[in-house]
Amino acid sequence: MRKDIRINQDSCSGCMRCAQACSFFTTPEREFNLSKSKIIVLPELEQGLYEVRLTEDCDGCGICIRQCDFGVLSRPGEEVQHV
């Protein structure tokens, strides 16, 4: 299921809302902890861009998609509704 999450790296602002939401909503502790997030946002300092990756543990729940205000994350044929 996670394979249908599309990532548009060029639009990422580096805000990390996707990773924060993932860590909060997908763990039993319900805490913001980037080390428990299943999405990783890494700066590529030379270009001023960010690399967004899903970990192998990602189950494709879509929490990250709904939190992204920049259209970085999406699914084919789905209208994004932000939380």
PDB file of N, CA and C in Angstrom:
ATOM      1  N   MET A   1       0.819  -1.195   0.000  1.00  0.00           N
ATOM      2  CA  MET A   1       0.000   0.000   0.000  1.00  0.00           C
ATOM      3  C   MET A   1       0.863   1.259   0.000  1.00  0.00           C
ATOM      4  N   ARG A   2       1.979   1.261   0.685  1.00  0.00           N
ATOM      5  CA  ARG A   2       2.800   2.461   0.768  1.00  0.00           C
ATOM      6  C   ARG A   2       3.360   2.860  -0.580  1.00  0.00           C
ATOM      7  N   LYS A   3       3.397   1.933  -1.509  1.00  0.00           N
ATOM      8  CA  LYS A   3       3.952   2.245  -2.811  1.00  0.00           C
ATOM      9  C   LYS A   3       3.082   3.222  -3.585  1.00  0.00           C
ATOM     10  N   ASP A   4       1.791   3.355  -3.245  1.00  0.00           N
ATOM     11  CA  ASP A   4       1.011   4.328  -3.986  1.00  0.00           C
ATOM     12  C   ASP A   4       1.117   5.735  -3.425  1.00  0.00           C
ATOM     13  N   ILE A   5       1.939   5.961  -2.415  1.00  0.00           N
ATOM     14  CA  ILE A   5       2.196   7.323  -1.949  1.00  0.00           C
ATOM     15  C   ILE A   5       3.282   7.908  -2.849  1.00  0.00           C
ATOM     16  N   ARG A   6       2.905   8.975  -3.534  1.00  0.00           N
ATOM     17  CA  ARG A   6       3.852   9.641  -4.432  1.00  0.00           C
ATOM     18  C   ARG A   6       4.545  10.777  -3.681  1.00  0.00           C
ATOM     19  N   ILE A   7       5.795  10.990  -4.022  1.00  0.00           N
ATOM     20  CA  ILE A   7       6.584  12.033  -3.376  1.00  0.00           C
ATOM     21  C   ILE A   7       7.102  12.992  -4.441  1.00  0.00           C
ATOM     22  N   ASN A   8       6.751  14.272  -4.286  1.00  0.00           N
ATOM     23  CA  ASN A   8       7.234  15.330  -5.170  1.00  0.00           C
ATOM     24  C   ASN A   8       8.273  16.132  -4.395  1.00  0.00           C
ATOM     25  N   GLN A   9       9.514  15.682  -4.429  1.00  0.00           N
ATOM     26  CA  GLN A   9      10.601  16.260  -3.634  1.00  0.00           C
ATOM     27  C   GLN A   9      10.748  17.767  -3.833  1.00  0.00           C
ATOM     28  N   ASP A  10      10.537  18.242  -5.047  1.00  0.00           N
ATOM     29  CA  ASP A  10      10.799  19.647  -5.375  1.00  0.00           C
ATOM     30  C   ASP A  10       9.919  20.620  -4.597  1.00  0.00           C
ATOM     31  N   SER A  11       8.784  20.168  -4.093  1.00  0.00           N
ATOM     32  CA  SER A  11       7.862  21.058  -3.386  1.00  0.00           C
ATOM     33  C   SER A  11       8.072  21.082  -1.873  1.00  0.00           C
ATOM     34  N   CYS A  12       8.957  20.254  -1.356  1.00  0.00           N
ATOM     35  CA  CYS A  12       9.136  20.130   0.098  1.00  0.00           C
ATOM     36  C   CYS A  12       9.781  21.380   0.688  1.00  0.00           C
ATOM     37  N   SER A  13       9.165  21.907   1.751  1.00  0.00           N
ATOM     38  CA  SER A  13       9.692  23.087   2.445  1.00  0.00           C
ATOM     39  C   SER A  13      10.572  22.699   3.632  1.00  0.00           C
ATOM     40  N   GLY A  14      10.549  21.429   4.006  1.00  0.00           N
ATOM     41  CA  GLY A  14      11.316  20.973   5.156  1.00  0.00           C
ATOM     42  C   GLY A  14      10.625  21.209   6.483  1.00  0.00           C
ATOM     43  N   CYS A  15       9.327  21.493   6.472  1.00  0.00           N
ATOM     44  CA  CYS A  15       8.602  21.819   7.707  1.00  0.00           C
ATOM     45  C   CYS A  15       8.473  20.629   8.663  1.00  0.00           C
ATOM     46  N   MET A  16       8.546  19.419   8.141  1.00  0.00           N
ATOM     47  CA  MET A  16       8.504  18.187   8.938  1.00  0.00           C
ATOM     48  C   MET A  16       7.131  17.872   9.536  1.00  0.00           C
ATOM     49  N   ARG A  17       6.078  18.554   9.096  1.00  0.00           N
ATOM     50  CA  ARG A  17       4.734  18.248   9.613  1.00  0.00           C
ATOM     51  C   ARG A  17       4.365  16.801   9.341  1.00  0.00           C
ATOM     52  N   CYS A  18       4.752  16.293   8.187  1.00  0.00           N
ATOM     53  CA  CYS A  18       4.436  14.908   7.832  1.00  0.00           C
ATOM     54  C   CYS A  18       5.063  13.940   8.835  1.00  0.00           C
ATOM     55  N   ALA A  19       6.341  14.153   9.132  1.00  0.00           N
ATOM     56  CA  ALA A  19       7.056  13.263  10.046  1.00  0.00           C
ATOM     57  C   ALA A  19       6.547  13.399  11.481  1.00  0.00           C
ATOM     58  N   GLN A  20       6.235  14.618  11.897  1.00  0.00           N
ATOM     59  CA  GLN A  20       5.701  14.830  13.242  1.00  0.00           C
ATOM     60  C   GLN A  20       4.352  14.129  13.395  1.00  0.00           C
ATOM     61  N   ALA A  21       3.480  14.299  12.404  1.00  0.00           N
ATOM     62  CA  ALA A  21       2.156  13.667  12.463  1.00  0.00           C
ATOM     63  C   ALA A  21       2.283  12.148  12.468  1.00  0.00           C
ATOM     64  N   CYS A  22       3.164  11.626  11.652  1.00  0.00           N
ATOM     65  CA  CYS A  22       3.371  10.172  11.611  1.00  0.00           C
ATOM     66  C   CYS A  22       3.800   9.665  12.980  1.00  0.00           C
ATOM     67  N   SER A  23       4.755  10.332  13.590  1.00  0.00           N
ATOM     68  CA  SER A  23       5.239   9.859  14.895  1.00  0.00           C
ATOM     69  C   SER A  23       4.147   9.933  15.956  1.00  0.00           C
ATOM     70  N   PHE A  24       3.268  10.911  15.863  1.00  0.00           N
ATOM     71  CA  PHE A  24       2.216  11.060  16.874  1.00  0.00           C
ATOM     72  C   PHE A  24       1.064  10.075  16.659  1.00  0.00           C
ATOM     73  N   PHE A  25       0.561  10.008  15.451  1.00  0.00           N
ATOM     74  CA  PHE A  25      -0.652   9.238  15.190  1.00  0.00           C
ATOM     75  C   PHE A  25      -0.439   7.745  14.955  1.00  0.00           C
ATOM     76  N   THR A  26       0.791   7.313  14.703  1.00  0.00           N
ATOM     77  CA  THR A  26       0.999   5.889  14.396  1.00  0.00           C
ATOM     78  C   THR A  26       1.738   5.127  15.492  1.00  0.00           C
ATOM     79  N   THR A  27       1.965   5.760  16.633  1.00  0.00           N
ATOM     80  CA  THR A  27       2.627   5.064  17.731  1.00  0.00           C
ATOM     81  C   THR A  27       1.724   5.067  18.965  1.00  0.00           C
ATOM     82  N   PRO A  28       1.799   4.043  19.768  1.00  0.00           N
ATOM     83  CA  PRO A  28       0.937   3.970  20.953  1.00  0.00           C
ATOM     84  C   PRO A  28       1.239   5.051  21.987  1.00  0.00           C
ATOM     85  N   GLU A  29       2.453   5.586  21.981  1.00  0.00           N
ATOM     86  CA  GLU A  29       2.832   6.605  22.968  1.00  0.00           C
ATOM     87  C   GLU A  29       2.154   7.949  22.711  1.00  0.00           C
ATOM     88  N   ARG A  30       1.690   8.174  21.485  1.00  0.00           N
ATOM     89  CA  ARG A  30       1.061   9.446  21.091  1.00  0.00           C
ATOM     90  C   ARG A  30       1.925  10.632  21.491  1.00  0.00           C
ATOM     91  N   GLU A  31       3.182  10.611  21.031  1.00  0.00           N
ATOM     92  CA  GLU A  31       4.092  11.713  21.286  1.00  0.00           C
ATOM     93  C   GLU A  31       4.815  12.082  19.990  1.00  0.00           C
ATOM     94  N   PHE A  32       5.201  13.344  19.894  1.00  0.00           N
ATOM     95  CA  PHE A  32       5.965  13.786  18.731  1.00  0.00           C
ATOM     96  C   PHE A  32       7.410  13.360  18.933  1.00  0.00           C
ATOM     97  N   ASN A  33       7.862  12.425  18.122  1.00  0.00           N
ATOM     98  CA  ASN A  33       9.212  11.886  18.252  1.00  0.00           C
ATOM     99  C   ASN A  33       9.683  11.465  16.866  1.00  0.00           C
ATOM    100  N   LEU A  34      10.500  12.286  16.236  1.00  0.00           N
ATOM    101  CA  LEU A  34      10.930  12.019  14.865  1.00  0.00           C
ATOM    102  C   LEU A  34      11.632  10.678  14.704  1.00  0.00           C
ATOM    103  N   SER A  35      12.225  10.165  15.759  1.00  0.00           N
ATOM    104  CA  SER A  35      12.911   8.875  15.653  1.00  0.00           C
ATOM    105  C   SER A  35      11.920   7.722  15.474  1.00  0.00           C
ATOM    106  N   LYS A  36      10.636   7.971  15.738  1.00  0.00           N
ATOM    107  CA  LYS A  36       9.612   6.932  15.565  1.00  0.00           C
ATOM    108  C   LYS A  36       8.776   7.137  14.308  1.00  0.00           C
ATOM    109  N   SER A  37       9.068   8.167  13.555  1.00  0.00           N
ATOM    110  CA  SER A  37       8.328   8.458  12.334  1.00  0.00           C
ATOM    111  C   SER A  37       8.696   7.465  11.234  1.00  0.00           C
ATOM    112  N   LYS A  38       7.732   7.174  10.383  1.00  0.00           N
ATOM    113  CA  LYS A  38       7.955   6.261   9.263  1.00  0.00           C
ATOM    114  C   LYS A  38       8.189   7.012   7.965  1.00  0.00           C
ATOM    115  N   ILE A  39       8.349   8.326   8.091  1.00  0.00           N
ATOM    116  CA  ILE A  39       8.728   9.176   6.968  1.00  0.00           C
ATOM    117  C   ILE A  39       9.901  10.029   7.428  1.00  0.00           C
ATOM    118  N   ILE A  40      10.886  10.149   6.563  1.00  0.00           N
ATOM    119  CA  ILE A  40      12.111  10.858   6.906  1.00  0.00           C
ATOM    120  C   ILE A  40      12.289  12.031   5.945  1.00  0.00           C
ATOM    121  N   VAL A  41      12.588  13.205   6.494  1.00  0.00           N
ATOM    122  CA  VAL A  41      12.851  14.397   5.694  1.00  0.00           C
ATOM    123  C   VAL A  41      14.293  14.813   5.966  1.00  0.00           C
ATOM    124  N   LEU A  42      15.116  14.756   4.922  1.00  0.00           N
ATOM    125  CA  LEU A  42      16.535  15.069   5.056  1.00  0.00           C
ATOM    126  C   LEU A  42      16.901  16.285   4.212  1.00  0.00           C
ATOM    127  N   PRO A  43      17.652  17.229   4.766  1.00  0.00           N
ATOM    128  CA  PRO A  43      18.086  18.375   3.956  1.00  0.00           C
ATOM    129  C   PRO A  43      19.220  17.971   3.018  1.00  0.00           C
ATOM    130  N   GLU A  44      19.156  18.481   1.807  1.00  0.00           N
ATOM    131  CA  GLU A  44      20.267  18.353   0.877  1.00  0.00           C
ATOM    132  C   GLU A  44      20.863  19.751   0.794  1.00  0.00           C
ATOM    133  N   LEU A  45      21.807  20.016   1.660  1.00  0.00           N
ATOM    134  CA  LEU A  45      22.286  21.364   1.911  1.00  0.00           C
ATOM    135  C   LEU A  45      22.857  22.082   0.689  1.00  0.00           C
ATOM    136  N   GLU A  46      23.528  21.379  -0.170  1.00  0.00           N
ATOM    137  CA  GLU A  46      24.145  22.031  -1.321  1.00  0.00           C
ATOM    138  C   GLU A  46      23.112  22.645  -2.258  1.00  0.00           C
ATOM    139  N   GLN A  47      21.960  22.031  -2.366  1.00  0.00           N
ATOM    140  CA  GLN A  47      20.953  22.491  -3.316  1.00  0.00           C
ATOM    141  C   GLN A  47      19.813  23.248  -2.636  1.00  0.00           C
ATOM    142  N   GLY A  48      19.767  23.261  -1.319  1.00  0.00           N
ATOM    143  CA  GLY A  48      18.684  23.923  -0.606  1.00  0.00           C
ATOM    144  C   GLY A  48      17.367  23.190  -0.720  1.00  0.00           C
ATOM    145  N   LEU A  49      17.416  21.904  -1.006  1.00  0.00           N
ATOM    146  CA  LEU A  49      16.217  21.084  -1.158  1.00  0.00           C
ATOM    147  C   LEU A  49      16.151  20.064  -0.036  1.00  0.00           C
ATOM    148  N   TYR A  50      15.058  19.301  -0.031  1.00  0.00           N
ATOM    149  CA  TYR A  50      14.879  18.244   0.969  1.00  0.00           C
ATOM    150  C   TYR A  50      14.582  16.928   0.284  1.00  0.00           C
ATOM    151  N   GLU A  51      15.083  15.857   0.863  1.00  0.00           N
ATOM    152  CA  GLU A  51      14.793  14.513   0.376  1.00  0.00           C
ATOM    153  C   GLU A  51      13.780  13.895   1.329  1.00  0.00           C
ATOM    154  N   VAL A  52      12.697  13.382   0.784  1.00  0.00           N
ATOM    155  CA  VAL A  52      11.640  12.761   1.582  1.00  0.00           C
ATOM    156  C   VAL A  52      11.627  11.279   1.262  1.00  0.00           C
ATOM    157  N   ARG A  53      11.694  10.454   2.310  1.00  0.00           N
ATOM    158  CA  ARG A  53      11.710   9.000   2.139  1.00  0.00           C
ATOM    159  C   ARG A  53      10.722   8.342   3.088  1.00  0.00           C
ATOM    160  N   LEU A  54      10.105   7.278   2.625  1.00  0.00           N
ATOM    161  CA  LEU A  54       9.264   6.436   3.484  1.00  0.00           C
ATOM    162  C   LEU A  54      10.103   5.256   3.935  1.00  0.00           C
ATOM    163  N   THR A  55       9.986   4.884   5.208  1.00  0.00           N
ATOM    164  CA  THR A  55      10.748   3.745   5.704  1.00  0.00           C
ATOM    165  C   THR A  55      10.035   2.446   5.326  1.00  0.00           C
ATOM    166  N   GLU A  56      10.712   1.348   5.525  1.00  0.00           N
ATOM    167  CA  GLU A  56      10.125   0.034   5.252  1.00  0.00           C
ATOM    168  C   GLU A  56       8.928  -0.256   6.159  1.00  0.00           C
ATOM    169  N   ASP A  57       8.858   0.397   7.323  1.00  0.00           N
ATOM    170  CA  ASP A  57       7.767   0.190   8.273  1.00  0.00           C
ATOM    171  C   ASP A  57       6.484   0.928   7.894  1.00  0.00           C
ATOM    172  N   CYS A  58       6.560   1.814   6.907  1.00  0.00           N
ATOM    173  CA  CYS A  58       5.388   2.596   6.495  1.00  0.00           C
ATOM    174  C   CYS A  58       4.296   1.651   6.005  1.00  0.00           C
ATOM    175  N   ASP A  59       3.069   1.841   6.524  1.00  0.00           N
ATOM    176  CA  ASP A  59       1.959   0.989   6.104  1.00  0.00           C
ATOM    177  C   ASP A  59       1.017   1.708   5.129  1.00  0.00           C
ATOM    178  N   GLY A  60       1.365   2.936   4.750  1.00  0.00           N
ATOM    179  CA  GLY A  60       0.570   3.663   3.768  1.00  0.00           C
ATOM    180  C   GLY A  60      -0.716   4.248   4.307  1.00  0.00           C
ATOM    181  N   CYS A  61      -0.783   4.542   5.595  1.00  0.00           N
ATOM    182  CA  CYS A  61      -2.017   5.028   6.217  1.00  0.00           C
ATOM    183  C   CYS A  61      -2.460   6.389   5.678  1.00  0.00           C
ATOM    184  N   GLY A  62      -1.515   7.230   5.234  1.00  0.00           N
ATOM    185  CA  GLY A  62      -1.854   8.515   4.636  1.00  0.00           C
ATOM    186  C   GLY A  62      -1.902   9.694   5.584  1.00  0.00           C
ATOM    187  N   ILE A  63      -1.556   9.503   6.845  1.00  0.00           N
ATOM    188  CA  ILE A  63      -1.509  10.623   7.796  1.00  0.00           C
ATOM    189  C   ILE A  63      -0.593  11.720   7.251  1.00  0.00           C
ATOM    190  N   CYS A  64       0.527  11.329   6.722  1.00  0.00           N
ATOM    191  CA  CYS A  64       1.495  12.295   6.211  1.00  0.00           C
ATOM    192  C   CYS A  64       0.929  13.098   5.040  1.00  0.00           C
ATOM    193  N   ILE A  65       0.154  12.467   4.195  1.00  0.00           N
ATOM    194  CA  ILE A  65      -0.437  13.134   3.033  1.00  0.00           C
ATOM    195  C   ILE A  65      -1.367  14.253   3.495  1.00  0.00           C
ATOM    196  N   ARG A  66      -2.195  13.956   4.466  1.00  0.00           N
ATOM    197  CA  ARG A  66      -3.167  14.950   4.951  1.00  0.00           C
ATOM    198  C   ARG A  66      -2.505  16.128   5.670  1.00  0.00           C
ATOM    199  N   GLN A  67      -1.302  15.935   6.168  1.00  0.00           N
ATOM    200  CA  GLN A  67      -0.612  17.009   6.896  1.00  0.00           C
ATOM    201  C   GLN A  67       0.231  17.905   6.006  1.00  0.00           C
ATOM    202  N   CYS A  68       0.495  17.498   4.790  1.00  0.00           N
ATOM    203  CA  CYS A  68       1.382  18.262   3.909  1.00  0.00           C
ATOM    204  C   CYS A  68       0.613  19.363   3.182  1.00  0.00           C
ATOM    205  N   ASP A  69       0.962  20.619   3.476  1.00  0.00           N
ATOM    206  CA  ASP A  69       0.323  21.767   2.834  1.00  0.00           C
ATOM    207  C   ASP A  69       0.989  22.154   1.518  1.00  0.00           C
ATOM    208  N   PHE A  70       2.028  21.445   1.135  1.00  0.00           N
ATOM    209  CA  PHE A  70       2.792  21.828  -0.050  1.00  0.00           C
ATOM    210  C   PHE A  70       2.623  20.859  -1.217  1.00  0.00           C
ATOM    211  N   GLY A  71       1.787  19.845  -1.060  1.00  0.00           N
ATOM    212  CA  GLY A  71       1.544  18.902  -2.150  1.00  0.00           C
ATOM    213  C   GLY A  71       2.695  17.968  -2.437  1.00  0.00           C
ATOM    214  N   VAL A  72       3.551  17.772  -1.468  1.00  0.00           N
ATOM    215  CA  VAL A  72       4.695  16.880  -1.654  1.00  0.00           C
ATOM    216  C   VAL A  72       4.230  15.427  -1.713  1.00  0.00           C
ATOM    217  N   LEU A  73       3.277  15.082  -0.872  1.00  0.00           N
ATOM    218  CA  LEU A  73       2.805  13.706  -0.746  1.00  0.00           C
ATOM    219  C   LEU A  73       1.392  13.584  -1.308  1.00  0.00           C
ATOM    220  N   SER A  74       1.168  12.538  -2.080  1.00  0.00           N
ATOM    221  CA  SER A  74      -0.153  12.337  -2.666  1.00  0.00           C
ATOM    222  C   SER A  74      -0.334  10.877  -3.065  1.00  0.00           C
ATOM    223  N   ARG A  75      -1.563  10.550  -3.431  1.00  0.00           N
ATOM    224  CA  ARG A  75      -1.897   9.238  -3.990  1.00  0.00           C
ATOM    225  C   ARG A  75      -2.572   9.492  -5.333  1.00  0.00           C
ATOM    226  N   PRO A  76      -2.325   8.635  -6.290  1.00  0.00           N
ATOM    227  CA  PRO A  76      -2.982   8.817  -7.585  1.00  0.00           C
ATOM    228  C   PRO A  76      -4.501   8.775  -7.438  1.00  0.00           C
ATOM    229  N   GLY A  77      -5.189   9.743  -8.033  1.00  0.00           N
ATOM    230  CA  GLY A  77      -6.648   9.753  -8.056  1.00  0.00           C
ATOM    231  C   GLY A  77      -7.334  10.151  -6.772  1.00  0.00           C
ATOM    232  N   GLU A  78      -6.581  10.580  -5.762  1.00  0.00           N
ATOM    233  CA  GLU A  78      -7.170  10.969  -4.483  1.00  0.00           C
ATOM    234  C   GLU A  78      -7.047  12.462  -4.284  1.00  0.00           C
ATOM    235  N   GLU A  79      -8.146  13.097  -3.889  1.00  0.00           N
ATOM    236  CA  GLU A  79      -8.096  14.516  -3.551  1.00  0.00           C
ATOM    237  C   GLU A  79      -7.573  14.633  -2.123  1.00  0.00           C
ATOM    238  N   VAL A  80      -6.591  15.480  -1.924  1.00  0.00           N
ATOM    239  CA  VAL A  80      -5.982  15.642  -0.602  1.00  0.00           C
ATOM    240  C   VAL A  80      -6.834  16.534   0.256  1.00  0.00           C
ATOM    241  N   GLN A  81      -7.146  16.056   1.471  1.00  0.00           N
ATOM    242  CA  GLN A  81      -7.879  16.848   2.457  1.00  0.00           C
ATOM    243  C   GLN A  81      -6.948  17.074   3.635  1.00  0.00           C
ATOM    244  N   HIS A  82      -6.600  18.318   3.865  1.00  0.00           N
ATOM    245  CA  HIS A  82      -5.678  18.642   4.951  1.00  0.00           C
ATOM    246  C   HIS A  82      -6.411  18.663   6.283  1.00  0.00           C
ATOM    247  N   VAL A  83      -5.708  18.217   7.330  1.00  0.00           N
ATOM    248  CA  VAL A  83      -6.265  18.201   8.682  1.00  0.00           C
ATOM    249  C   VAL A  83      -6.058  19.543   9.325  1.00  0.00           C
TER     250      VAL A  83
END
